Protein backbone atom coordinates (compact mmCIF):
# COMPACT_ATOMS: atom_id res chain seq x y z
CA MET A 1 0.00 0.00 0.00
CA LYS A 2 1.42 3.35 -1.06
CA LEU A 3 1.82 5.86 1.76
CA LEU A 4 0.12 9.23 1.55
CA ARG A 5 2.53 12.08 0.83
CA LEU A 6 1.66 15.75 0.82
CA THR A 7 4.94 16.67 -0.89
CA PRO A 8 7.05 14.90 -3.50
CA GLU A 9 10.20 13.12 -2.42
CA ASN A 10 13.56 14.89 -2.50
CA THR A 11 12.18 18.41 -2.93
CA LYS A 12 14.64 21.22 -3.59
CA PHE A 13 12.67 24.39 -2.94
CA PRO A 14 14.96 27.44 -2.55
CA PHE A 15 13.34 28.77 0.62
CA MET A 16 16.22 31.08 1.51
CA ARG A 17 15.70 33.11 -1.65
CA PHE A 18 12.49 34.43 -0.11
CA ARG A 19 14.12 35.74 3.07
CA ARG A 20 14.45 39.22 1.54
CA VAL A 21 10.68 39.21 1.14
CA SER A 22 9.60 37.31 4.26
CA TYR A 23 11.44 39.58 6.71
CA PRO A 24 9.96 42.88 5.48
CA PHE A 25 6.54 41.22 5.25
CA SER A 26 6.76 39.90 8.81
CA ALA A 27 8.08 43.24 10.07
CA VAL A 28 5.10 45.04 8.57
CA MET A 29 2.68 42.46 9.99
CA SER A 30 4.26 42.75 13.44
CA ILE A 31 4.03 46.55 13.40
CA ILE A 32 0.38 46.33 12.32
CA SER A 33 -0.29 43.90 15.17
CA VAL A 34 1.24 46.28 17.72
CA LEU A 35 -0.74 49.23 16.34
CA LEU A 36 -3.95 47.19 16.42
CA PHE A 37 -3.30 46.26 20.04
CA ILE A 38 -2.63 49.88 21.02
CA PHE A 39 -5.35 51.69 19.07
CA HIS A 40 -8.00 49.04 18.38
CA GLY A 41 -7.64 47.12 21.60
CA MET A 42 -8.71 43.62 22.60
CA ASN A 43 -12.16 42.25 23.22
CA PHE A 44 -11.45 41.19 26.78
CA GLY A 45 -13.87 38.69 28.19
CA ILE A 46 -15.43 38.78 31.63
CA ASP A 47 -12.40 36.88 32.93
CA PHE A 48 -10.18 39.92 32.31
CA ALA A 49 -12.44 42.97 32.03
CA GLY A 50 -14.86 42.10 34.81
CA GLY A 51 -18.65 42.18 34.53
CA THR A 52 -21.57 39.80 34.33
CA VAL A 53 -22.56 37.12 31.83
CA LEU A 54 -26.03 35.58 31.67
CA GLU A 55 -26.72 32.54 29.53
CA LEU A 56 -30.32 32.55 28.34
CA ARG A 57 -32.57 30.10 26.49
CA ALA A 58 -35.75 31.38 24.82
CA LYS A 59 -38.90 29.58 25.93
CA ASN A 60 -40.56 29.99 22.53
CA GLY A 61 -37.52 28.55 20.72
CA VAL A 62 -36.24 31.78 19.08
CA ALA A 63 -34.27 34.44 20.95
CA ASP A 64 -35.03 38.10 20.22
CA VAL A 65 -31.46 39.38 19.91
CA ALA A 66 -32.49 42.96 19.00
CA MET A 67 -34.64 43.31 22.13
CA LEU A 68 -31.87 41.99 24.35
CA ARG A 69 -29.35 44.43 22.88
CA ASN A 70 -31.63 47.34 23.76
CA LEU A 71 -31.58 46.39 27.43
CA GLY A 72 -28.46 48.46 28.02
CA ASP A 73 -30.22 51.69 27.04
CA ASN A 74 -33.55 50.75 28.60
CA LEU A 75 -32.09 49.75 31.97
CA GLY A 76 -29.15 52.16 32.05
CA LEU A 77 -26.51 49.43 32.09
CA GLY A 78 -24.27 50.86 29.41
CA GLY A 79 -23.15 48.69 26.54
CA VAL A 80 -24.72 45.22 26.42
CA GLU A 81 -23.29 42.51 24.17
CA VAL A 82 -25.55 39.70 22.98
CA GLN A 83 -24.20 36.73 21.11
CA ALA A 84 -26.06 33.69 19.82
CA PHE A 85 -24.49 30.25 20.11
CA GLY A 86 -25.54 26.66 19.63
CA ASN A 87 -29.00 27.16 18.16
CA GLN A 88 -31.57 29.96 17.71
CA SER A 89 -32.82 29.76 21.27
CA ASP A 90 -29.49 30.10 23.13
CA VAL A 91 -27.77 33.46 23.68
CA THR A 92 -25.27 34.99 26.07
CA LEU A 93 -25.87 38.49 27.44
CA ARG A 94 -22.91 40.40 28.81
CA PHE A 95 -22.59 43.82 30.42
CA GLY A 96 -19.69 45.48 32.17
CA LEU A 97 -19.06 46.51 35.74
CA GLN A 98 -21.49 49.07 37.14
CA PRO A 99 -20.41 52.08 39.19
CA GLY A 100 -21.22 51.51 42.84
CA GLY A 101 -19.45 48.25 43.57
CA ASP A 102 -20.93 44.81 44.20
CA ALA A 103 -24.30 46.16 45.30
CA ALA A 104 -24.78 48.05 42.04
CA GLN A 105 -23.70 45.02 40.02
CA GLU A 106 -26.17 42.76 41.84
CA ALA A 107 -28.94 45.32 41.33
CA ALA A 108 -28.18 45.36 37.58
CA VAL A 109 -28.40 41.57 37.46
CA GLN A 110 -31.78 41.63 39.19
CA LYS A 111 -33.05 44.23 36.70
CA VAL A 112 -32.10 42.03 33.79
CA ARG A 113 -33.62 38.97 35.43
CA ALA A 114 -36.90 40.78 35.98
CA VAL A 115 -37.13 41.80 32.33
CA VAL A 116 -36.17 38.49 30.70
CA GLN A 117 -37.55 35.88 33.10
CA ASP A 118 -40.95 35.70 31.38
CA GLY A 119 -39.53 34.83 27.97
CA TYR A 120 -36.23 33.18 28.85
CA ASP A 121 -34.79 30.54 31.14
CA ILE A 122 -31.68 31.85 32.89
CA ARG A 123 -29.29 28.90 32.70
CA ARG A 124 -26.14 30.51 34.08
CA THR A 125 -25.06 33.72 35.77
CA GLU A 126 -21.38 34.57 36.14
CA VAL A 127 -19.96 37.65 37.86
CA VAL A 128 -16.27 38.57 37.89
CA GLY A 129 -15.01 41.55 39.85
CA PRO A 130 -12.16 43.89 38.83
CA ARG A 131 -9.75 42.47 41.40
CA VAL A 132 -10.14 38.92 40.12
CA SER A 133 -9.84 40.04 36.50
CA GLY A 134 -6.67 42.02 37.30
CA GLU A 135 -5.10 38.98 38.95
CA LEU A 136 -5.96 36.86 35.92
CA VAL A 137 -4.29 39.37 33.58
CA GLN A 138 -1.13 39.35 35.69
CA SER A 139 -1.07 35.57 35.98
CA GLY A 140 -1.65 35.06 32.28
CA THR A 141 1.06 37.54 31.27
CA LEU A 142 3.50 36.07 33.78
CA GLY A 143 2.85 32.56 32.47
CA VAL A 144 3.62 33.56 28.88
CA VAL A 145 6.79 35.49 29.84
CA LEU A 146 8.13 32.67 32.03
CA SER A 147 7.51 30.12 29.29
CA ILE A 148 9.55 32.23 26.84
CA PHE A 149 12.48 32.50 29.28
CA ALA A 150 12.35 28.78 30.04
CA VAL A 151 12.50 27.98 26.33
CA LEU A 152 15.38 30.41 25.84
CA ALA A 153 17.37 28.71 28.61
CA TYR A 154 16.65 25.24 27.21
CA LEU A 155 17.66 26.11 23.66
CA TRP A 156 20.76 27.93 24.87
CA PHE A 157 22.07 24.70 26.43
CA ARG A 158 20.61 22.40 23.75
CA PHE A 159 22.06 24.26 20.76
CA GLU A 160 24.45 27.11 19.99
CA TRP A 161 23.41 30.60 21.09
CA GLN A 162 22.42 31.54 17.52
CA PHE A 163 19.81 28.78 17.52
CA ALA A 164 18.33 30.04 20.78
CA VAL A 165 18.12 33.64 19.58
CA ALA A 166 16.56 32.60 16.26
CA ALA A 167 13.98 30.40 18.01
CA VAL A 168 12.97 33.14 20.45
CA ILE A 169 12.64 35.70 17.63
CA ALA A 170 10.39 33.31 15.71
CA THR A 171 8.31 32.63 18.82
CA MET A 172 7.89 36.33 19.59
CA HIS A 173 6.89 36.85 15.95
CA ASP A 174 4.15 34.21 16.35
CA LEU A 175 2.91 35.79 19.59
CA LEU A 176 2.73 39.27 18.07
CA LEU A 177 0.77 38.05 15.06
CA THR A 178 -1.59 36.08 17.29
CA VAL A 179 -2.28 39.16 19.43
CA GLY A 180 -2.90 41.11 16.24
CA PHE A 181 -5.29 38.39 15.11
CA PHE A 182 -7.28 38.70 18.34
CA SER A 183 -7.38 42.49 18.02
CA LEU A 184 -8.40 42.47 14.35
CA THR A 185 -11.12 39.83 14.66
CA GLN A 186 -12.28 41.02 18.09
CA LEU A 187 -12.59 37.45 19.28
CA GLU A 188 -13.23 37.31 23.00
CA PHE A 189 -9.92 37.20 24.84
CA ASN A 190 -10.36 35.11 27.97
CA THR A 191 -8.55 32.41 29.94
CA THR A 192 -8.96 29.88 27.12
CA SER A 193 -7.20 32.40 24.86
CA ILE A 194 -4.21 32.34 27.22
CA ALA A 195 -4.24 28.55 26.92
CA ALA A 196 -4.29 28.93 23.13
CA ILE A 197 -1.30 31.29 23.20
CA LEU A 198 0.73 28.92 25.39
CA THR A 199 -0.20 26.02 23.11
CA ILE A 200 0.87 28.04 20.07
CA VAL A 201 4.20 28.75 21.78
CA GLY A 202 4.67 25.02 22.33
CA TYR A 203 3.72 24.10 18.77
CA SER A 204 5.90 26.85 17.29
CA LEU A 205 8.90 25.72 19.30
CA ASN A 206 8.30 22.11 18.33
CA GLU A 207 8.39 23.02 14.64
CA THR A 208 11.40 25.26 15.18
CA VAL A 209 13.42 22.68 17.10
CA VAL A 210 12.76 20.04 14.43
CA VAL A 211 14.18 22.33 11.75
CA LEU A 212 17.11 23.48 13.90
CA ASP A 213 18.04 19.94 14.83
CA ARG A 214 18.16 18.93 11.18
CA ILE A 215 20.28 21.99 10.36
CA ARG A 216 22.74 21.02 13.07
CA GLU A 217 22.97 17.47 11.67
CA MET A 218 23.60 18.81 8.19
CA MET A 219 26.30 21.15 9.50
CA ARG A 220 28.24 18.18 10.83
CA LYS A 221 27.84 16.28 7.56
CA TYR A 222 28.46 19.09 5.05
CA LYS A 223 31.10 21.28 6.63
CA ARG A 224 31.97 23.23 3.47
CA MET A 225 28.49 23.74 2.03
CA PRO A 226 27.29 27.38 1.85
CA THR A 227 24.93 28.26 4.68
CA ASP A 228 21.92 29.13 2.54
CA GLN A 229 22.16 25.87 0.61
CA LEU A 230 22.55 23.89 3.81
CA VAL A 231 19.49 25.52 5.39
CA ASP A 232 17.45 24.86 2.24
CA MET A 233 18.50 21.21 2.26
CA SER A 234 17.55 20.87 5.94
CA ILE A 235 14.11 22.43 5.48
CA ASN A 236 13.37 20.27 2.46
CA ALA A 237 14.37 17.20 4.45
CA VAL A 238 11.80 17.89 7.19
CA LEU A 239 9.15 19.42 4.89
CA PRO A 240 7.04 16.23 4.55
CA ARG A 241 6.96 15.80 8.32
CA THR A 242 6.13 19.49 8.87
CA LEU A 243 3.24 19.53 6.41
CA MET A 244 1.82 16.20 7.59
CA THR A 245 1.86 17.34 11.23
CA ALA A 246 0.31 20.71 10.42
CA THR A 247 -2.40 19.12 8.25
CA THR A 248 -3.34 16.64 10.97
CA VAL A 249 -3.58 19.38 13.59
CA LEU A 250 -5.60 21.65 11.28
CA LEU A 251 -8.10 18.87 10.55
CA ALA A 252 -8.67 18.40 14.27
CA LEU A 253 -8.99 22.16 14.76
CA ALA A 254 -11.48 22.41 11.89
CA ALA A 255 -13.74 20.02 13.77
CA LEU A 256 -13.45 22.21 16.89
CA VAL A 257 -14.17 25.38 14.90
CA PHE A 258 -17.35 24.03 13.28
CA PHE A 259 -18.66 21.74 16.01
CA GLY A 260 -16.97 22.84 19.24
CA GLY A 261 -19.47 25.53 20.09
CA HIS A 262 -19.16 29.06 21.39
CA VAL A 263 -17.22 28.23 24.56
CA ILE A 264 -13.99 27.17 22.78
CA ARG A 265 -14.46 29.23 19.61
CA SER A 266 -11.71 31.72 20.43
CA PHE A 267 -9.35 28.89 21.37
CA SER A 268 -9.92 26.87 18.18
CA LEU A 269 -9.71 29.86 15.81
CA ALA A 270 -6.58 31.20 17.50
CA MET A 271 -4.97 27.77 17.32
CA THR A 272 -5.81 27.47 13.62
CA TRP A 273 -4.14 30.82 12.97
CA GLY A 274 -1.21 29.94 15.25
CA VAL A 275 -0.43 26.63 13.53
CA CYS A 276 -0.22 28.33 10.13
CA VAL A 277 1.96 31.12 11.50
CA ALA A 278 4.22 28.64 13.33
CA VAL A 279 4.94 26.67 10.16
CA TYR A 280 5.67 29.90 8.30
CA SER A 281 7.98 31.29 10.99
CA SER A 282 9.98 28.07 11.40
CA ILE A 283 10.86 28.18 7.68
CA PHE A 284 10.99 31.87 6.78
CA ILE A 285 11.88 33.59 10.08
CA CYS A 286 13.90 31.27 12.30
CA SER A 287 16.01 29.51 9.67
CA PRO A 288 17.18 32.62 7.75
CA MET A 289 18.06 34.27 11.06
CA LEU A 290 20.91 31.77 11.42
CA ILE A 291 22.46 33.21 8.26
CA TYR A 292 22.26 36.77 9.58
CA LEU A 293 23.66 35.71 12.97
CA GLY A 294 26.74 34.22 11.28
CA LEU A 295 26.35 30.70 12.64
CA ARG A 296 28.28 29.00 9.86
CA THR A 297 30.99 31.68 9.87
CA ASP A 298 31.88 30.80 13.46
CA GLY A 299 31.84 27.12 12.62
CA ARG A 300 34.14 27.61 9.62
CA GLU A 301 36.59 29.63 11.70
CA ARG A 302 36.76 26.85 14.30
CA ALA A 303 37.13 24.21 11.57
CA SER A 304 39.90 26.20 9.83
CA THR A 305 41.75 26.67 13.12
CA ALA A 306 41.52 22.95 13.89
CA GLU A 307 42.71 22.00 10.39
CA GLN A 308 45.62 24.46 10.60
CA ALA A 309 46.64 23.10 13.98
CA THR A 310 46.54 19.57 12.61
CA ALA A 311 48.63 20.54 9.58
CA GLU A 312 51.26 22.32 11.71
CA ALA A 313 51.55 19.49 14.23
CA PRO A 314 54.88 17.62 13.89
CA GLU A 315 54.74 14.14 12.49
CA PRO A 316 55.30 11.39 15.03
CA ALA A 317 58.77 9.89 15.06
CA ARG A 318 59.10 6.50 13.45
């Protein structure tokens, strides 16, 4: 039985020729992501922004989304977000923190309950205060930063320093583009989004380490080959594995996107974006960075010094 292959055998794609295009493109995308984060902001969920979420189910089978959205003006609650999920009868209603503390927030919840209880079953009520949301923001940010430093330390000991720097740059590139994706699409950024970001970091590093490990093997085997050719050969060697892994993950994520429901929608969409970006960065960001960092130049200098020392060593007496 013939095995399934997504790429032909012994490919020779000149990936490094595109580094003069991929770096400016990624730089522009990273700048856009930062600007989106600063000026457009993130759609923080209740976990981070604080507020109240009510999950409602219409008794007549169809939720009146327009009426629910007008509750903010009618009840003086400020902006109210209503989002359908699952089927036509299920919606989530969210409004922010009310001035006046916990008492004012509870009073706002009771107002909403009084208005909707005749036509809707209130299945869930969730309230998150500003202190809890602030702690979650700090914990989530700290978790991402510590994971980056842990990876940097591991790669520094596992490979040469150029490999570690290239891997961290590629990982930061993936994080920036993922944040920009959240800001552009206005997907709800909550605790599951933090889980998605950490998972993307892990997947990106996995792809990066596979490529770097093959480059290191090729360096030992082809000591005189030009760096760009060696990197191209290494990427082509792992390309079938990279594409097969990414395709398998994307198929699983597609099922989560279409059938996973509203609860994990931000996680599954962010992961889909992150997998694509991770494959791109491992080939077009991390690998070319080794050329700019002069990895092979150092190796050639050490090899030339060793060969010169061997040549100048006196022959053993016979």
